[in-house]
Amino acid sequence: MARIFNDRGVAYRKLSLTAKGDNIKEYNQKALRNFNKAILLDNNYGLAYYNRGLLYEQLGYLDKAKLDLEKGTGLLKK
């Protein structure tokens, strides 16, 4: 189930890259909600942390991005 939310988050993040106006914010919010739900369902799901880190980086939240990218990478190496 966590994978479904992660995949939806990825889709919304990609949509935000080509969206215009208010749609950018809407897609980013939906992406974040889906990544958070994936992590809530499986807190060892490295790909969800990694993808949320990419979103945080895109939004300029570099400290949060660094934490998630490092955690995601660490979990993916296991």
Protein backbone atom coordinates (compact mmCIF):
# COMPACT_ATOMS: atom_id res chain seq x y z
CA MET A 1 0.00 0.00 0.00
CA ALA A 2 2.87 2.41 0.79
CA ARG A 3 4.16 1.97 -2.76
CA ILE A 4 0.86 3.22 -4.18
CA PHE A 5 1.08 6.44 -2.16
CA ASN A 6 4.74 6.88 -3.11
CA ASP A 7 3.93 6.42 -6.79
CA ARG A 8 1.08 8.93 -6.56
CA GLY A 9 3.44 11.38 -4.87
CA VAL A 10 5.93 10.98 -7.71
CA ALA A 11 3.19 11.61 -10.26
CA TYR A 12 2.04 14.78 -8.50
CA ARG A 13 5.63 16.03 -8.15
CA LYS A 14 6.18 15.53 -11.87
CA LEU A 15 2.93 17.35 -12.64
CA SER A 16 4.09 20.29 -10.54
CA LEU A 17 7.18 20.67 -12.72
CA THR A 18 5.09 21.56 -15.77
CA ALA A 19 2.10 23.17 -14.03
CA LYS A 20 1.31 26.86 -13.97
CA GLY A 21 -0.13 29.19 -11.33
CA ASP A 22 -2.01 27.75 -8.38
CA ASN A 23 -1.73 24.24 -9.81
CA ILE A 24 1.95 24.14 -8.84
CA LYS A 25 1.16 24.58 -5.15
CA GLU A 26 -1.76 22.16 -5.33
CA TYR A 27 0.32 19.41 -6.94
CA ASN A 28 3.18 19.92 -4.48
CA GLN A 29 0.78 19.69 -1.53
CA LYS A 30 -0.73 16.51 -2.93
CA ALA A 31 2.72 15.05 -3.52
CA LEU A 32 3.77 15.82 0.05
CA ARG A 33 0.59 14.29 1.50
CA ASN A 34 1.14 11.11 -0.49
CA PHE A 35 4.81 10.79 0.49
CA ASN A 36 3.87 11.37 4.14
CA LYS A 37 1.16 8.70 3.93
CA ALA A 38 3.62 6.22 2.37
CA ILE A 39 6.09 6.85 5.20
CA LEU A 40 3.31 6.56 7.80
CA LEU A 41 2.37 3.16 6.39
CA ASP A 42 5.98 1.96 6.16
CA ASN A 43 8.60 3.99 7.99
CA ASN A 44 11.36 1.87 6.43
CA TYR A 45 10.35 2.68 2.86
CA GLY A 46 13.51 4.39 1.67
CA LEU A 47 12.17 5.41 -1.71
CA ALA A 48 9.37 7.45 -0.11
CA TYR A 49 11.89 9.33 2.05
CA TYR A 50 14.11 9.88 -0.97
CA ASN A 51 11.26 11.19 -3.10
CA ARG A 52 10.02 13.44 -0.31
CA GLY A 53 13.57 14.75 -0.05
CA LEU A 54 13.54 15.59 -3.75
CA LEU A 55 10.27 17.46 -3.27
CA TYR A 56 11.66 19.38 -0.28
CA GLU A 57 14.70 20.30 -2.36
CA GLN A 58 12.44 21.50 -5.18
CA LEU A 59 10.53 23.65 -2.67
CA GLY A 60 13.72 25.10 -1.19
CA TYR A 61 13.52 23.32 2.19
CA LEU A 62 17.14 22.25 2.03
CA ASP A 63 17.55 21.10 5.64
CA LYS A 64 14.51 18.84 5.39
CA ALA A 65 15.65 17.67 1.97
CA LYS A 66 19.07 16.69 3.28
CA LEU A 67 17.59 14.68 6.15
CA ASP A 68 15.15 12.79 3.93
CA LEU A 69 17.66 12.17 1.15
CA GLU A 70 20.18 10.78 3.63
CA LYS A 71 17.59 8.62 5.40
CA GLY A 72 16.17 7.38 2.10
CA THR A 73 19.60 6.55 0.71
CA GLY A 74 20.51 4.72 3.92
CA LEU A 75 17.36 2.62 3.84
CA LEU A 76 17.78 1.84 0.14
CA LYS A 77 21.30 0.49 0.77
CA LYS A 78 20.01 -2.12 3.25
